[in-house]
Amino acid sequence: METTTQRDGTPAPLPPTERRLPESMGLDDMDTETMLRAMNRQDLRAVHAVHEAITDLAELVQMGTQTVRNGHHIHYFGAGTSGRLGVLDAAELYPTFNTAPGTVIGHIAGGMDALTNAMENAEDATTLSPDDEDAVEKGDLVIGITASGATPYVAAALQSARGKSAATALIC
């Protein structure tokens, strides 16, 4: 098991959000084509996962459409790369689909500085910032986005949203 060193110098297991993918071990020892093929195999896993989830995704899109028609907002909550992609997707919905600005709001662990600077351990926060906490209202839809399915920041966002009677979904 991969470990990290705690402040007192003792080893501790890495949280799931920080563990390496076994198939990526040795990337720096692979020739370029082998490395790219290894990465592409992971890309294909994502494509196949989306294919398998089309029915669920269609239900989520319909839920989002109804949320917006009812005058509410959609919020993405993510961390690290997943959070960055959520914020980017929220920003691109207006120019791509003519969605009114502010209809879909992206939130990322560590705040907007985390878009351009890695904020290690921000995803392990079990509470939300006051801005994130206050942004969600009853009737909104909160979509957690996480590669691992176990990011504490995302779990906290979903739990908070449920407490406000907002609809929730998880994409992982």
N, C-alpha and C. Protein backbone atom coordinates (compact mmCIF):
# COMPACT_ATOMS: atom_id res chain seq x y z
N MET A 1 0.84 -1.18 0.00
CA MET A 1 0.00 0.00 0.00
C MET A 1 0.88 1.24 0.00
N GLU A 2 0.51 2.21 -0.80
CA GLU A 2 1.25 3.47 -0.84
C GLU A 2 1.03 4.23 0.45
N THR A 3 2.10 4.87 0.92
CA THR A 3 2.00 5.63 2.17
C THR A 3 2.56 7.02 2.00
N THR A 4 2.26 7.84 2.97
CA THR A 4 2.82 9.18 3.07
C THR A 4 3.40 9.31 4.47
N THR A 5 4.15 10.34 4.71
CA THR A 5 4.72 10.55 6.02
C THR A 5 3.93 11.64 6.74
N GLN A 6 3.49 11.31 7.96
CA GLN A 6 2.76 12.28 8.77
C GLN A 6 3.74 13.27 9.39
N ARG A 7 3.22 14.33 9.98
CA ARG A 7 4.06 15.36 10.58
C ARG A 7 4.98 14.80 11.66
N ASP A 8 4.51 13.76 12.35
CA ASP A 8 5.35 13.18 13.41
C ASP A 8 6.37 12.18 12.87
N GLY A 9 6.41 12.04 11.54
CA GLY A 9 7.39 11.17 10.90
C GLY A 9 6.95 9.74 10.70
N THR A 10 5.76 9.38 11.17
CA THR A 10 5.29 8.01 11.00
C THR A 10 4.56 7.87 9.67
N PRO A 11 4.61 6.66 9.09
CA PRO A 11 3.92 6.45 7.81
C PRO A 11 2.41 6.33 8.02
N ALA A 12 1.66 6.75 7.01
CA ALA A 12 0.20 6.62 7.00
C ALA A 12 -0.23 6.29 5.58
N PRO A 13 -1.29 5.49 5.42
CA PRO A 13 -1.76 5.17 4.07
C PRO A 13 -2.22 6.43 3.34
N LEU A 14 -1.97 6.46 2.06
CA LEU A 14 -2.47 7.57 1.24
C LEU A 14 -3.97 7.48 1.14
N PRO A 15 -4.65 8.63 1.17
CA PRO A 15 -6.10 8.60 0.94
C PRO A 15 -6.36 8.15 -0.50
N PRO A 16 -7.54 7.59 -0.78
CA PRO A 16 -7.83 7.10 -2.13
C PRO A 16 -7.60 8.15 -3.22
N THR A 17 -7.81 9.43 -2.88
CA THR A 17 -7.67 10.48 -3.89
C THR A 17 -6.22 10.70 -4.30
N GLU A 18 -5.27 10.15 -3.57
CA GLU A 18 -3.85 10.38 -3.86
C GLU A 18 -3.11 9.12 -4.30
N ARG A 19 -3.77 7.97 -4.35
CA ARG A 19 -3.10 6.73 -4.72
C ARG A 19 -2.87 6.69 -6.23
N ARG A 20 -1.78 6.04 -6.61
CA ARG A 20 -1.46 5.92 -8.04
C ARG A 20 -2.20 4.76 -8.66
N LEU A 21 -2.53 4.92 -9.91
CA LEU A 21 -3.15 3.87 -10.70
C LEU A 21 -2.09 2.82 -11.01
N PRO A 22 -2.31 1.57 -10.64
CA PRO A 22 -1.27 0.55 -10.88
C PRO A 22 -0.80 0.48 -12.34
N GLU A 23 -1.73 0.69 -13.27
CA GLU A 23 -1.36 0.63 -14.69
C GLU A 23 -0.45 1.78 -15.11
N SER A 24 -0.32 2.79 -14.27
CA SER A 24 0.54 3.92 -14.63
C SER A 24 1.94 3.80 -14.03
N MET A 25 2.17 2.77 -13.26
CA MET A 25 3.50 2.60 -12.68
C MET A 25 4.52 2.41 -13.81
N GLY A 26 5.60 3.10 -13.72
CA GLY A 26 6.67 2.95 -14.71
C GLY A 26 6.49 3.76 -15.97
N LEU A 27 5.58 4.73 -15.98
CA LEU A 27 5.40 5.53 -17.19
C LEU A 27 6.71 6.17 -17.64
N ASP A 28 7.51 6.60 -16.67
CA ASP A 28 8.76 7.28 -17.04
C ASP A 28 9.81 6.33 -17.60
N ASP A 29 9.57 5.02 -17.49
CA ASP A 29 10.49 4.05 -18.07
C ASP A 29 10.01 3.52 -19.43
N MET A 30 8.81 3.91 -19.84
CA MET A 30 8.25 3.42 -21.10
C MET A 30 8.70 4.29 -22.26
N ASP A 31 8.78 3.67 -23.43
CA ASP A 31 9.01 4.49 -24.61
C ASP A 31 7.72 5.27 -24.88
N THR A 32 7.81 6.29 -25.67
CA THR A 32 6.69 7.21 -25.88
C THR A 32 5.44 6.51 -26.36
N GLU A 33 5.56 5.64 -27.36
CA GLU A 33 4.37 4.98 -27.89
C GLU A 33 3.72 4.09 -26.84
N THR A 34 4.50 3.34 -26.09
CA THR A 34 3.95 2.48 -25.04
C THR A 34 3.23 3.31 -23.97
N MET A 35 3.82 4.44 -23.61
CA MET A 35 3.22 5.33 -22.62
C MET A 35 1.88 5.86 -23.14
N LEU A 36 1.85 6.30 -24.38
CA LEU A 36 0.62 6.82 -24.96
C LEU A 36 -0.46 5.75 -25.06
N ARG A 37 -0.07 4.52 -25.38
CA ARG A 37 -1.04 3.42 -25.44
C ARG A 37 -1.60 3.13 -24.05
N ALA A 38 -0.76 3.19 -23.03
CA ALA A 38 -1.24 2.97 -21.66
C ALA A 38 -2.24 4.05 -21.27
N MET A 39 -1.96 5.29 -21.62
CA MET A 39 -2.87 6.38 -21.32
C MET A 39 -4.18 6.24 -22.10
N ASN A 40 -4.07 5.85 -23.36
CA ASN A 40 -5.25 5.69 -24.19
C ASN A 40 -6.15 4.57 -23.68
N ARG A 41 -5.56 3.51 -23.12
CA ARG A 41 -6.38 2.44 -22.53
C ARG A 41 -7.25 3.00 -21.41
N GLN A 42 -6.71 3.93 -20.63
CA GLN A 42 -7.49 4.56 -19.56
C GLN A 42 -8.57 5.47 -20.15
N ASP A 43 -8.24 6.18 -21.23
CA ASP A 43 -9.24 7.00 -21.92
C ASP A 43 -10.42 6.14 -22.37
N LEU A 44 -10.12 4.97 -22.91
CA LEU A 44 -11.16 4.07 -23.39
C LEU A 44 -12.05 3.58 -22.25
N ARG A 45 -11.46 3.38 -21.08
CA ARG A 45 -12.26 2.98 -19.91
C ARG A 45 -13.32 4.04 -19.63
N ALA A 46 -12.94 5.30 -19.74
CA ALA A 46 -13.89 6.39 -19.49
C ALA A 46 -14.99 6.39 -20.55
N VAL A 47 -14.62 6.22 -21.80
CA VAL A 47 -15.61 6.20 -22.89
C VAL A 47 -16.59 5.05 -22.68
N HIS A 48 -16.09 3.88 -22.33
CA HIS A 48 -16.98 2.73 -22.10
C HIS A 48 -17.87 2.95 -20.87
N ALA A 49 -17.35 3.60 -19.84
CA ALA A 49 -18.15 3.88 -18.64
C ALA A 49 -19.30 4.83 -18.99
N VAL A 50 -19.03 5.83 -19.80
CA VAL A 50 -20.10 6.75 -20.22
C VAL A 50 -21.14 5.98 -21.03
N HIS A 51 -20.70 5.13 -21.94
CA HIS A 51 -21.62 4.33 -22.75
C HIS A 51 -22.55 3.51 -21.86
N GLU A 52 -22.00 2.89 -20.84
CA GLU A 52 -22.80 2.06 -19.93
C GLU A 52 -23.76 2.90 -19.08
N ALA A 53 -23.46 4.17 -18.90
CA ALA A 53 -24.27 5.02 -18.02
C ALA A 53 -25.23 5.95 -18.77
N ILE A 54 -25.40 5.76 -20.07
CA ILE A 54 -26.21 6.68 -20.88
C ILE A 54 -27.61 6.84 -20.31
N THR A 55 -28.27 5.77 -19.91
CA THR A 55 -29.63 5.87 -19.38
C THR A 55 -29.65 6.73 -18.13
N ASP A 56 -28.69 6.51 -17.22
CA ASP A 56 -28.61 7.31 -15.99
C ASP A 56 -28.27 8.76 -16.31
N LEU A 57 -27.38 8.97 -17.26
CA LEU A 57 -27.01 10.34 -17.64
C LEU A 57 -28.19 11.07 -18.27
N ALA A 58 -28.97 10.38 -19.07
CA ALA A 58 -30.16 11.01 -19.66
C ALA A 58 -31.14 11.43 -18.56
N GLU A 59 -31.30 10.60 -17.54
CA GLU A 59 -32.17 10.94 -16.42
C GLU A 59 -31.63 12.18 -15.69
N LEU A 60 -30.31 12.25 -15.52
CA LEU A 60 -29.70 13.41 -14.86
C LEU A 60 -29.88 14.68 -15.69
N VAL A 61 -29.72 14.59 -17.00
CA VAL A 61 -29.93 15.76 -17.87
C VAL A 61 -31.38 16.23 -17.77
N GLN A 62 -32.31 15.29 -17.77
CA GLN A 62 -33.72 15.66 -17.63
C GLN A 62 -33.98 16.33 -16.27
N MET A 63 -33.34 15.81 -15.22
CA MET A 63 -33.48 16.42 -13.90
C MET A 63 -32.92 17.84 -13.92
N GLY A 64 -31.78 18.02 -14.57
CA GLY A 64 -31.19 19.35 -14.68
C GLY A 64 -32.06 20.30 -15.47
N THR A 65 -32.64 19.82 -16.54
CA THR A 65 -33.54 20.64 -17.37
C THR A 65 -34.74 21.11 -16.54
N GLN A 66 -35.31 20.20 -15.77
CA GLN A 66 -36.47 20.56 -14.93
C GLN A 66 -36.06 21.55 -13.84
N THR A 67 -34.87 21.36 -13.27
CA THR A 67 -34.37 22.28 -12.25
C THR A 67 -34.30 23.70 -12.80
N VAL A 68 -33.73 23.84 -14.00
CA VAL A 68 -33.59 25.16 -14.62
C VAL A 68 -34.96 25.73 -14.99
N ARG A 69 -35.84 24.90 -15.54
CA ARG A 69 -37.19 25.37 -15.88
C ARG A 69 -37.94 25.87 -14.66
N ASN A 70 -37.61 25.31 -13.49
CA ASN A 70 -38.26 25.73 -12.25
C ASN A 70 -37.58 26.95 -11.63
N GLY A 71 -36.60 27.52 -12.34
CA GLY A 71 -35.96 28.74 -11.87
C GLY A 71 -34.82 28.53 -10.88
N HIS A 72 -34.31 27.32 -10.80
CA HIS A 72 -33.23 27.01 -9.86
C HIS A 72 -31.91 26.84 -10.61
N HIS A 73 -30.87 26.52 -9.86
CA HIS A 73 -29.52 26.42 -10.41
C HIS A 73 -28.98 24.99 -10.30
N ILE A 74 -28.01 24.73 -11.15
CA ILE A 74 -27.25 23.48 -11.09
C ILE A 74 -25.86 23.84 -10.59
N HIS A 75 -25.37 23.06 -9.64
CA HIS A 75 -24.03 23.27 -9.07
C HIS A 75 -23.20 22.03 -9.29
N TYR A 76 -21.97 22.22 -9.77
CA TYR A 76 -20.99 21.14 -9.83
C TYR A 76 -20.04 21.34 -8.66
N PHE A 77 -19.75 20.28 -7.91
CA PHE A 77 -18.75 20.32 -6.86
C PHE A 77 -17.72 19.25 -7.15
N GLY A 78 -16.45 19.66 -7.26
CA GLY A 78 -15.39 18.70 -7.51
C GLY A 78 -14.08 19.19 -6.92
N ALA A 79 -13.07 18.36 -7.06
CA ALA A 79 -11.74 18.68 -6.54
C ALA A 79 -10.69 18.27 -7.56
N GLY A 80 -9.55 18.92 -7.53
CA GLY A 80 -8.47 18.55 -8.45
C GLY A 80 -8.91 18.65 -9.90
N THR A 81 -8.46 17.69 -10.69
CA THR A 81 -8.79 17.70 -12.12
C THR A 81 -10.29 17.61 -12.35
N SER A 82 -10.98 16.77 -11.59
CA SER A 82 -12.44 16.66 -11.75
C SER A 82 -13.12 17.98 -11.48
N GLY A 83 -12.68 18.68 -10.45
CA GLY A 83 -13.26 19.99 -10.13
C GLY A 83 -12.97 21.01 -11.21
N ARG A 84 -11.73 20.99 -11.72
CA ARG A 84 -11.37 21.92 -12.80
C ARG A 84 -12.23 21.69 -14.03
N LEU A 85 -12.44 20.42 -14.37
CA LEU A 85 -13.26 20.11 -15.54
C LEU A 85 -14.71 20.52 -15.32
N GLY A 86 -15.21 20.39 -14.09
CA GLY A 86 -16.56 20.84 -13.79
C GLY A 86 -16.70 22.34 -13.94
N VAL A 87 -15.73 23.10 -13.41
CA VAL A 87 -15.78 24.56 -13.54
C VAL A 87 -15.69 24.95 -15.01
N LEU A 88 -14.82 24.28 -15.77
CA LEU A 88 -14.70 24.55 -17.20
C LEU A 88 -16.00 24.24 -17.92
N ASP A 89 -16.62 23.11 -17.61
CA ASP A 89 -17.88 22.75 -18.25
C ASP A 89 -18.95 23.80 -17.95
N ALA A 90 -19.03 24.23 -16.70
CA ALA A 90 -20.01 25.26 -16.33
C ALA A 90 -19.79 26.54 -17.14
N ALA A 91 -18.53 26.91 -17.32
CA ALA A 91 -18.21 28.12 -18.07
C ALA A 91 -18.53 27.98 -19.55
N GLU A 92 -18.40 26.79 -20.09
CA GLU A 92 -18.58 26.57 -21.52
C GLU A 92 -20.04 26.37 -21.93
N LEU A 93 -20.94 26.16 -20.97
CA LEU A 93 -22.33 25.91 -21.34
C LEU A 93 -22.98 27.10 -22.02
N TYR A 94 -22.62 28.32 -21.61
CA TYR A 94 -23.19 29.50 -22.26
C TYR A 94 -22.78 29.59 -23.73
N PRO A 95 -21.47 29.61 -24.05
CA PRO A 95 -21.13 29.77 -25.46
C PRO A 95 -21.48 28.54 -26.31
N THR A 96 -21.50 27.37 -25.71
CA THR A 96 -21.76 26.16 -26.49
C THR A 96 -23.25 25.90 -26.69
N PHE A 97 -24.04 26.10 -25.62
CA PHE A 97 -25.46 25.75 -25.68
C PHE A 97 -26.38 26.93 -25.41
N ASN A 98 -25.82 28.14 -25.33
CA ASN A 98 -26.60 29.35 -25.08
C ASN A 98 -27.35 29.29 -23.75
N THR A 99 -26.75 28.60 -22.77
CA THR A 99 -27.30 28.54 -21.42
C THR A 99 -27.02 29.87 -20.74
N ALA A 100 -27.99 30.43 -20.08
CA ALA A 100 -27.80 31.73 -19.42
C ALA A 100 -26.66 31.65 -18.42
N PRO A 101 -25.79 32.65 -18.41
CA PRO A 101 -24.70 32.67 -17.44
C PRO A 101 -25.24 32.53 -16.01
N GLY A 102 -24.57 31.74 -15.19
CA GLY A 102 -24.98 31.54 -13.81
C GLY A 102 -25.99 30.43 -13.62
N THR A 103 -26.43 29.82 -14.70
CA THR A 103 -27.38 28.70 -14.59
C THR A 103 -26.69 27.49 -13.97
N VAL A 104 -25.49 27.23 -14.43
CA VAL A 104 -24.68 26.14 -13.88
C VAL A 104 -23.45 26.77 -13.26
N ILE A 105 -23.21 26.43 -11.99
CA ILE A 105 -22.14 27.07 -11.22
C ILE A 105 -21.14 26.00 -10.80
N GLY A 106 -19.88 26.24 -11.12
CA GLY A 106 -18.82 25.30 -10.75
C GLY A 106 -18.17 25.69 -9.43
N HIS A 107 -17.96 24.71 -8.58
CA HIS A 107 -17.27 24.89 -7.29
C HIS A 107 -16.12 23.90 -7.25
N ILE A 108 -14.98 24.33 -6.73
CA ILE A 108 -13.82 23.46 -6.65
C ILE A 108 -13.21 23.56 -5.25
N ALA A 109 -12.82 22.41 -4.73
CA ALA A 109 -12.16 22.38 -3.42
C ALA A 109 -10.93 23.27 -3.45
N GLY A 110 -10.80 24.13 -2.46
CA GLY A 110 -9.67 25.06 -2.43
C GLY A 110 -10.01 26.41 -3.03
N GLY A 111 -11.22 26.56 -3.57
CA GLY A 111 -11.63 27.84 -4.15
C GLY A 111 -11.06 28.05 -5.54
N MET A 112 -11.36 29.18 -6.11
CA MET A 112 -10.98 29.46 -7.50
C MET A 112 -9.47 29.48 -7.72
N ASP A 113 -8.67 29.71 -6.68
CA ASP A 113 -7.21 29.61 -6.84
C ASP A 113 -6.80 28.21 -7.25
N ALA A 114 -7.60 27.21 -6.88
CA ALA A 114 -7.29 25.82 -7.20
C ALA A 114 -7.44 25.51 -8.69
N LEU A 115 -8.00 26.45 -9.46
CA LEU A 115 -8.10 26.23 -10.90
C LEU A 115 -6.73 26.22 -11.56
N THR A 116 -5.84 27.05 -11.07
CA THR A 116 -4.53 27.17 -11.71
C THR A 116 -3.37 26.73 -10.81
N ASN A 117 -3.67 26.45 -9.55
CA ASN A 117 -2.63 26.01 -8.62
C ASN A 117 -3.11 24.78 -7.87
N ALA A 118 -2.29 23.74 -7.87
CA ALA A 118 -2.65 22.54 -7.12
C ALA A 118 -2.79 22.89 -5.65
N MET A 119 -3.88 22.46 -5.06
CA MET A 119 -4.15 22.69 -3.64
C MET A 119 -4.21 21.33 -2.98
N GLU A 120 -3.05 20.76 -2.72
CA GLU A 120 -2.99 19.42 -2.14
C GLU A 120 -3.80 19.36 -0.86
N ASN A 121 -4.52 18.29 -0.71
CA ASN A 121 -5.35 17.99 0.46
C ASN A 121 -6.65 18.79 0.52
N ALA A 122 -6.88 19.73 -0.39
CA ALA A 122 -8.14 20.48 -0.37
C ALA A 122 -9.32 19.54 -0.57
N GLU A 123 -9.13 18.49 -1.37
CA GLU A 123 -10.21 17.54 -1.63
C GLU A 123 -10.60 16.74 -0.40
N ASP A 124 -9.72 16.72 0.60
CA ASP A 124 -10.00 15.96 1.81
C ASP A 124 -10.74 16.77 2.86
N ALA A 125 -11.10 18.02 2.54
CA ALA A 125 -11.88 18.85 3.46
C ALA A 125 -13.26 18.24 3.65
N THR A 126 -13.70 18.16 4.89
CA THR A 126 -15.01 17.58 5.19
C THR A 126 -16.07 18.65 5.45
N THR A 127 -15.68 19.91 5.29
CA THR A 127 -16.64 21.01 5.40
C THR A 127 -16.46 21.91 4.19
N LEU A 128 -17.49 22.67 3.88
CA LEU A 128 -17.47 23.58 2.75
C LEU A 128 -17.12 24.98 3.21
N SER A 129 -16.60 25.79 2.29
CA SER A 129 -16.39 27.20 2.60
C SER A 129 -17.76 27.84 2.76
N PRO A 130 -17.84 28.95 3.49
CA PRO A 130 -19.15 29.63 3.61
C PRO A 130 -19.75 29.99 2.26
N ASP A 131 -18.92 30.40 1.30
CA ASP A 131 -19.45 30.75 -0.03
C ASP A 131 -20.08 29.53 -0.70
N ASP A 132 -19.40 28.38 -0.65
CA ASP A 132 -19.95 27.16 -1.24
C ASP A 132 -21.21 26.73 -0.51
N GLU A 133 -21.17 26.80 0.80
CA GLU A 133 -22.33 26.40 1.63
C GLU A 133 -23.55 27.25 1.32
N ASP A 134 -23.36 28.55 1.20
CA ASP A 134 -24.48 29.48 1.00
C ASP A 134 -25.00 29.50 -0.44
N ALA A 135 -24.24 28.98 -1.39
CA ALA A 135 -24.63 29.07 -2.80
C ALA A 135 -25.81 28.18 -3.15
N VAL A 136 -25.96 27.07 -2.45
CA VAL A 136 -26.99 26.09 -2.79
C VAL A 136 -28.28 26.40 -2.04
N GLU A 137 -29.39 26.33 -2.78
CA GLU A 137 -30.70 26.59 -2.19
C GLU A 137 -31.64 25.42 -2.47
N LYS A 138 -32.71 25.37 -1.72
CA LYS A 138 -33.75 24.37 -1.93
C LYS A 138 -34.19 24.43 -3.39
N GLY A 139 -34.34 23.29 -4.02
CA GLY A 139 -34.77 23.22 -5.41
C GLY A 139 -33.63 23.17 -6.41
N ASP A 140 -32.41 23.48 -5.96
CA ASP A 140 -31.25 23.38 -6.85
C ASP A 140 -30.89 21.92 -7.07
N LEU A 141 -30.01 21.68 -8.02
CA LEU A 141 -29.44 20.36 -8.28
C LEU A 141 -27.95 20.45 -8.05
N VAL A 142 -27.43 19.60 -7.19
CA VAL A 142 -26.00 19.56 -6.90
C VAL A 142 -25.44 18.26 -7.47
N ILE A 143 -24.43 18.40 -8.34
CA ILE A 143 -23.79 17.25 -8.95
C ILE A 143 -22.36 17.18 -8.45
N GLY A 144 -22.05 16.12 -7.73
CA GLY A 144 -20.68 15.88 -7.29
C GLY A 144 -19.92 15.21 -8.41
N ILE A 145 -18.68 15.64 -8.61
CA ILE A 145 -17.84 15.08 -9.67
C ILE A 145 -16.53 14.63 -9.02
N THR A 146 -16.24 13.35 -9.09
CA THR A 146 -15.04 12.82 -8.46
C THR A 146 -14.56 11.56 -9.17
N ALA A 147 -13.28 11.49 -9.41
CA ALA A 147 -12.71 10.31 -10.06
C ALA A 147 -12.81 9.09 -9.16
N SER A 148 -12.55 9.28 -7.87
CA SER A 148 -12.50 8.14 -6.95
C SER A 148 -13.88 7.72 -6.45
N GLY A 149 -14.84 8.63 -6.48
CA GLY A 149 -16.14 8.34 -5.89
C GLY A 149 -16.15 8.51 -4.38
N ALA A 150 -15.02 8.94 -3.80
CA ALA A 150 -14.91 9.01 -2.34
C ALA A 150 -14.25 10.30 -1.87
N THR A 151 -14.33 11.36 -2.65
CA THR A 151 -13.67 12.61 -2.27
C THR A 151 -14.46 13.29 -1.15
N PRO A 152 -13.85 13.50 0.02
CA PRO A 152 -14.57 14.08 1.16
C PRO A 152 -15.23 15.43 0.86
N TYR A 153 -14.56 16.31 0.12
CA TYR A 153 -15.16 17.61 -0.21
C TYR A 153 -16.46 17.42 -0.98
N VAL A 154 -16.47 16.52 -1.93
CA VAL A 154 -17.67 16.26 -2.72
C VAL A 154 -18.76 15.65 -1.84
N ALA A 155 -18.38 14.71 -0.98
CA ALA A 155 -19.35 14.10 -0.06
C ALA A 155 -19.96 15.17 0.84
N ALA A 156 -19.15 16.10 1.32
CA ALA A 156 -19.66 17.18 2.17
C ALA A 156 -20.65 18.05 1.41
N ALA A 157 -20.35 18.33 0.14
CA ALA A 157 -21.26 19.16 -0.67
C ALA A 157 -22.59 18.46 -0.88
N LEU A 158 -22.56 17.16 -1.15
CA LEU A 158 -23.80 16.41 -1.37
C LEU A 158 -24.62 16.33 -0.08
N GLN A 159 -23.94 16.11 1.03
CA GLN A 159 -24.63 16.04 2.32
C GLN A 159 -25.28 17.38 2.66
N SER A 160 -24.55 18.45 2.46
CA SER A 160 -25.09 19.79 2.72
C SER A 160 -26.30 20.06 1.83
N ALA A 161 -26.21 19.70 0.56
CA ALA A 161 -27.31 19.93 -0.38
C ALA A 161 -28.57 19.16 0.04
N ARG A 162 -28.38 17.92 0.45
CA ARG A 162 -29.53 17.13 0.89
C ARG A 162 -30.20 17.78 2.09
N GLY A 163 -29.39 18.36 2.98
CA GLY A 163 -29.93 19.05 4.14
C GLY A 163 -30.75 20.28 3.77
N LYS A 164 -30.54 20.80 2.58
CA LYS A 164 -31.29 21.97 2.11
C LYS A 164 -32.40 21.57 1.14
N SER A 165 -32.67 20.28 1.02
CA SER A 165 -33.68 19.75 0.10
C SER A 165 -33.37 20.06 -1.35
N ALA A 166 -32.08 20.08 -1.67
CA ALA A 166 -31.66 20.18 -3.07
C ALA A 166 -31.50 18.75 -3.60
N ALA A 167 -31.75 18.56 -4.87
CA ALA A 167 -31.54 17.26 -5.49
C ALA A 167 -30.04 17.04 -5.63
N THR A 168 -29.60 15.79 -5.61
CA THR A 168 -28.18 15.48 -5.72
C THR A 168 -27.94 14.34 -6.68
N ALA A 169 -26.73 14.34 -7.22
CA ALA A 169 -26.26 13.26 -8.09
C ALA A 169 -24.74 13.20 -7.95
N LEU A 170 -24.18 12.06 -8.29
CA LEU A 170 -22.74 11.86 -8.23
C LEU A 170 -22.27 11.28 -9.55
N ILE A 171 -21.26 11.92 -10.13
CA ILE A 171 -20.61 11.38 -11.33
C ILE A 171 -19.20 11.00 -10.92
N CYS A 172 -18.87 9.72 -11.10
CA CYS A 172 -17.52 9.28 -10.75
C CYS A 172 -17.05 8.21 -11.73
